[in-house]
Amino acid sequence: SELTINFERPWRSSNVTMQFKSTPGIQLIDTSIALEDFEGAVKLRYLLEKPGFNNITIKISGEYKNENISSSRVVYIQPKKTLRKPTNQQVVTR
């Protein structure tokens, strides 16, 4: 699966990266992406290995006006619910 993350960063920012951490039920393909452009989108690829309450923490860090900055967000991941197909079973009660 993949998650698309749109971003914008200030013109005077530098050394900006997105770092990713997840709960044990998710395997991340990428753990860090450098943001070279000032705006755009990145795709975070992952594998959902265990159903349940899983999340991915996204931490953005870099420099702006000679200061280190960082910000974090959490995305909650759940498997898609599948619809049960009706069966043609008959139930007989006595």
N, C-alpha and C. Protein backbone atom coordinates (compact mmCIF):
# COMPACT_ATOMS: atom_id res chain seq x y z
N SER A 1 0.84 -1.17 0.00
CA SER A 1 0.00 0.00 0.00
C SER A 1 0.88 1.23 0.00
N GLU A 2 0.27 2.35 -0.27
CA GLU A 2 1.04 3.59 -0.22
C GLU A 2 0.16 4.74 0.26
N LEU A 3 0.82 5.73 0.82
CA LEU A 3 0.18 6.91 1.36
C LEU A 3 0.82 8.11 0.66
N THR A 4 0.01 9.01 0.10
CA THR A 4 0.54 10.20 -0.56
C THR A 4 0.51 11.36 0.42
N ILE A 5 1.65 12.01 0.58
CA ILE A 5 1.79 13.14 1.51
C ILE A 5 2.14 14.38 0.71
N ASN A 6 1.26 15.38 0.71
CA ASN A 6 1.53 16.65 0.05
C ASN A 6 2.27 17.55 1.02
N PHE A 7 3.21 18.36 0.50
CA PHE A 7 3.97 19.23 1.39
C PHE A 7 4.28 20.56 0.71
N GLU A 8 4.53 21.56 1.54
CA GLU A 8 5.07 22.86 1.15
C GLU A 8 6.06 23.25 2.24
N ARG A 9 7.17 23.86 1.84
CA ARG A 9 8.13 24.31 2.84
C ARG A 9 8.59 25.72 2.50
N PRO A 10 9.00 26.50 3.51
CA PRO A 10 9.42 27.88 3.26
C PRO A 10 10.66 27.96 2.37
N TRP A 11 10.79 29.07 1.66
CA TRP A 11 11.91 29.28 0.74
C TRP A 11 13.26 29.26 1.45
N ARG A 12 13.32 29.75 2.66
CA ARG A 12 14.61 29.83 3.36
C ARG A 12 14.92 28.57 4.15
N SER A 13 14.15 27.53 4.00
CA SER A 13 14.42 26.29 4.74
C SER A 13 15.48 25.46 4.02
N SER A 14 16.18 24.64 4.81
CA SER A 14 17.21 23.77 4.23
C SER A 14 17.30 22.48 5.04
N ASN A 15 17.93 21.49 4.43
CA ASN A 15 18.13 20.18 5.07
C ASN A 15 16.84 19.61 5.63
N VAL A 16 15.77 19.68 4.85
CA VAL A 16 14.45 19.23 5.32
C VAL A 16 14.26 17.76 4.95
N THR A 17 13.88 16.96 5.95
CA THR A 17 13.62 15.54 5.73
C THR A 17 12.32 15.14 6.41
N MET A 18 11.71 14.09 5.86
CA MET A 18 10.57 13.44 6.50
C MET A 18 11.09 12.10 7.00
N GLN A 19 10.86 11.83 8.28
CA GLN A 19 11.25 10.55 8.87
C GLN A 19 9.98 9.83 9.31
N PHE A 20 9.98 8.51 9.15
CA PHE A 20 8.78 7.72 9.41
C PHE A 20 9.07 6.63 10.43
N LYS A 21 8.13 6.45 11.36
CA LYS A 21 8.15 5.34 12.31
C LYS A 21 6.75 4.75 12.34
N SER A 22 6.67 3.47 12.66
CA SER A 22 5.35 2.83 12.67
C SER A 22 5.23 1.86 13.84
N THR A 23 4.00 1.48 14.11
CA THR A 23 3.74 0.45 15.10
C THR A 23 4.18 -0.90 14.52
N PRO A 24 4.34 -1.93 15.36
CA PRO A 24 4.83 -3.23 14.87
C PRO A 24 3.99 -3.88 13.77
N GLY A 25 2.72 -3.51 13.62
CA GLY A 25 1.88 -4.12 12.61
C GLY A 25 2.09 -3.60 11.20
N ILE A 26 2.98 -2.62 11.04
CA ILE A 26 3.24 -2.01 9.73
C ILE A 26 4.74 -2.12 9.43
N GLN A 27 5.05 -2.57 8.23
CA GLN A 27 6.44 -2.58 7.77
C GLN A 27 6.61 -1.44 6.77
N LEU A 28 7.49 -0.50 7.08
CA LEU A 28 7.75 0.64 6.20
C LEU A 28 8.80 0.26 5.16
N ILE A 29 8.56 0.63 3.91
CA ILE A 29 9.55 0.40 2.85
C ILE A 29 10.62 1.49 2.94
N ASP A 30 10.22 2.73 3.20
CA ASP A 30 11.14 3.86 3.36
C ASP A 30 11.03 4.38 4.79
N THR A 31 12.15 4.76 5.40
CA THR A 31 12.11 5.32 6.74
C THR A 31 12.47 6.80 6.75
N SER A 32 12.95 7.33 5.62
CA SER A 32 13.33 8.74 5.54
C SER A 32 13.32 9.19 4.08
N ILE A 33 12.84 10.41 3.85
CA ILE A 33 12.84 10.99 2.50
C ILE A 33 13.31 12.44 2.63
N ALA A 34 14.32 12.83 1.84
CA ALA A 34 14.79 14.21 1.81
C ALA A 34 13.86 15.02 0.91
N LEU A 35 13.46 16.20 1.38
CA LEU A 35 12.58 17.08 0.59
C LEU A 35 13.44 18.11 -0.12
N GLU A 36 13.75 17.85 -1.38
CA GLU A 36 14.58 18.75 -2.17
C GLU A 36 13.75 19.90 -2.75
N ASP A 37 12.51 19.63 -3.13
CA ASP A 37 11.64 20.65 -3.72
C ASP A 37 10.94 21.45 -2.62
N PHE A 38 10.45 22.64 -2.98
CA PHE A 38 9.77 23.48 -2.00
C PHE A 38 8.29 23.13 -1.86
N GLU A 39 7.75 22.40 -2.81
CA GLU A 39 6.39 21.89 -2.68
C GLU A 39 6.27 20.67 -3.57
N GLY A 40 5.32 19.82 -3.22
CA GLY A 40 5.13 18.60 -4.00
C GLY A 40 4.43 17.53 -3.20
N ALA A 41 4.69 16.31 -3.59
CA ALA A 41 4.09 15.15 -2.93
C ALA A 41 5.09 14.02 -2.91
N VAL A 42 5.07 13.26 -1.84
CA VAL A 42 5.89 12.05 -1.74
C VAL A 42 4.97 10.88 -1.46
N LYS A 43 5.39 9.72 -1.89
CA LYS A 43 4.62 8.50 -1.65
C LYS A 43 5.37 7.65 -0.64
N LEU A 44 4.68 7.32 0.43
CA LEU A 44 5.24 6.47 1.47
C LEU A 44 4.66 5.07 1.26
N ARG A 45 5.54 4.12 0.98
CA ARG A 45 5.11 2.73 0.76
C ARG A 45 5.23 1.93 2.06
N TYR A 46 4.23 1.08 2.29
CA TYR A 46 4.22 0.28 3.51
C TYR A 46 3.45 -1.01 3.28
N LEU A 47 3.68 -1.96 4.17
CA LEU A 47 2.94 -3.22 4.18
C LEU A 47 2.22 -3.34 5.51
N LEU A 48 0.92 -3.58 5.46
CA LEU A 48 0.13 -3.79 6.67
C LEU A 48 0.23 -5.28 7.00
N GLU A 49 0.95 -5.60 8.07
CA GLU A 49 1.21 -6.99 8.41
C GLU A 49 0.24 -7.56 9.43
N LYS A 50 -0.32 -6.71 10.29
CA LYS A 50 -1.26 -7.16 11.31
C LYS A 50 -2.44 -6.21 11.37
N PRO A 51 -3.65 -6.74 11.39
CA PRO A 51 -4.81 -5.85 11.53
C PRO A 51 -4.85 -5.28 12.94
N GLY A 52 -5.61 -4.25 13.10
CA GLY A 52 -5.74 -3.64 14.42
C GLY A 52 -5.46 -2.16 14.37
N PHE A 53 -5.12 -1.61 15.51
CA PHE A 53 -4.85 -0.18 15.61
C PHE A 53 -3.38 0.08 15.31
N ASN A 54 -3.08 0.43 14.08
CA ASN A 54 -1.73 0.70 13.64
C ASN A 54 -1.62 2.17 13.26
N ASN A 55 -0.40 2.70 13.36
CA ASN A 55 -0.21 4.08 12.92
C ASN A 55 1.19 4.29 12.39
N ILE A 56 1.33 5.38 11.65
CA ILE A 56 2.61 5.83 11.14
C ILE A 56 2.82 7.25 11.65
N THR A 57 3.97 7.49 12.27
CA THR A 57 4.33 8.83 12.73
C THR A 57 5.24 9.46 11.68
N ILE A 58 4.87 10.67 11.26
CA ILE A 58 5.65 11.41 10.26
C ILE A 58 6.29 12.59 10.98
N LYS A 59 7.62 12.64 10.98
CA LYS A 59 8.34 13.74 11.61
C LYS A 59 9.08 14.51 10.51
N ILE A 60 8.83 15.81 10.45
CA ILE A 60 9.50 16.67 9.48
C ILE A 60 10.49 17.53 10.25
N SER A 61 11.75 17.52 9.82
CA SER A 61 12.75 18.33 10.50
C SER A 61 13.64 19.01 9.47
N GLY A 62 14.23 20.12 9.90
CA GLY A 62 15.11 20.87 9.02
C GLY A 62 15.57 22.15 9.68
N GLU A 63 16.08 23.06 8.87
CA GLU A 63 16.56 24.34 9.36
C GLU A 63 15.78 25.47 8.69
N TYR A 64 15.46 26.49 9.47
CA TYR A 64 14.77 27.67 8.96
C TYR A 64 15.29 28.88 9.71
N LYS A 65 15.84 29.84 8.98
CA LYS A 65 16.44 31.05 9.57
C LYS A 65 17.46 30.68 10.65
N ASN A 66 18.32 29.72 10.31
CA ASN A 66 19.40 29.25 11.19
C ASN A 66 18.92 28.61 12.49
N GLU A 67 17.68 28.14 12.53
CA GLU A 67 17.17 27.43 13.69
C GLU A 67 16.70 26.04 13.28
N ASN A 68 16.92 25.06 14.15
CA ASN A 68 16.41 23.71 13.89
C ASN A 68 14.93 23.68 14.25
N ILE A 69 14.15 23.13 13.34
CA ILE A 69 12.71 23.02 13.55
C ILE A 69 12.27 21.59 13.33
N SER A 70 11.15 21.22 13.93
CA SER A 70 10.57 19.90 13.67
C SER A 70 9.08 19.93 13.97
N SER A 71 8.37 19.04 13.32
CA SER A 71 6.94 18.91 13.49
C SER A 71 6.57 17.45 13.26
N SER A 72 5.61 16.96 14.01
CA SER A 72 5.20 15.55 13.87
C SER A 72 3.70 15.44 13.67
N ARG A 73 3.29 14.42 12.93
CA ARG A 73 1.89 14.08 12.73
C ARG A 73 1.76 12.57 12.77
N VAL A 74 0.57 12.11 13.14
CA VAL A 74 0.30 10.67 13.20
C VAL A 74 -0.84 10.34 12.25
N VAL A 75 -0.66 9.28 11.46
CA VAL A 75 -1.69 8.78 10.54
C VAL A 75 -2.08 7.39 11.03
N TYR A 76 -3.38 7.17 11.21
CA TYR A 76 -3.88 5.87 11.67
C TYR A 76 -4.25 5.02 10.47
N ILE A 77 -3.82 3.77 10.48
CA ILE A 77 -4.02 2.86 9.35
C ILE A 77 -4.87 1.68 9.80
N GLN A 78 -5.93 1.40 9.03
CA GLN A 78 -6.77 0.22 9.28
C GLN A 78 -6.98 -0.50 7.96
N PRO A 79 -7.11 -1.82 8.00
CA PRO A 79 -7.41 -2.54 6.77
C PRO A 79 -8.81 -2.19 6.29
N LYS A 80 -9.01 -2.29 4.98
CA LYS A 80 -10.35 -2.07 4.44
C LYS A 80 -11.27 -3.18 4.88
N LYS A 81 -12.48 -2.81 5.21
CA LYS A 81 -13.46 -3.82 5.58
C LYS A 81 -13.99 -4.46 4.31
N THR A 82 -14.05 -5.77 4.31
CA THR A 82 -14.59 -6.47 3.15
C THR A 82 -16.05 -6.80 3.41
N LEU A 83 -16.83 -6.72 2.38
CA LEU A 83 -18.25 -7.05 2.50
C LEU A 83 -18.42 -8.55 2.40
N ARG A 84 -19.23 -9.08 3.27
CA ARG A 84 -19.52 -10.51 3.19
C ARG A 84 -20.54 -10.76 2.09
N LYS A 85 -20.27 -11.75 1.32
CA LYS A 85 -21.23 -12.13 0.28
C LYS A 85 -22.29 -13.02 0.91
N PRO A 86 -23.54 -12.78 0.60
CA PRO A 86 -24.58 -13.64 1.16
C PRO A 86 -24.42 -15.08 0.64
N THR A 87 -24.71 -16.01 1.51
CA THR A 87 -24.63 -17.42 1.10
C THR A 87 -26.05 -17.96 0.96
N ASN A 88 -26.17 -19.01 0.22
CA ASN A 88 -27.48 -19.63 0.00
C ASN A 88 -27.66 -20.82 0.93
N GLN A 89 -27.37 -20.62 2.18
CA GLN A 89 -27.53 -21.70 3.14
C GLN A 89 -28.94 -21.68 3.69
N GLN A 90 -29.46 -22.86 3.92
CA GLN A 90 -30.78 -22.98 4.53
C GLN A 90 -30.61 -23.47 5.95
N VAL A 91 -31.38 -22.89 6.82
CA VAL A 91 -31.34 -23.30 8.23
C VAL A 91 -32.67 -23.97 8.54
N VAL A 92 -32.59 -25.15 9.09
CA VAL A 92 -33.80 -25.91 9.47
C VAL A 92 -33.82 -26.02 10.97
N THR A 93 -34.90 -25.61 11.56
CA THR A 93 -35.06 -25.73 13.01
C THR A 93 -36.21 -26.67 13.29
N ARG A 94 -36.16 -27.39 14.39
CA ARG A 94 -37.23 -28.33 14.75
C ARG A 94 -37.70 -28.06 16.12
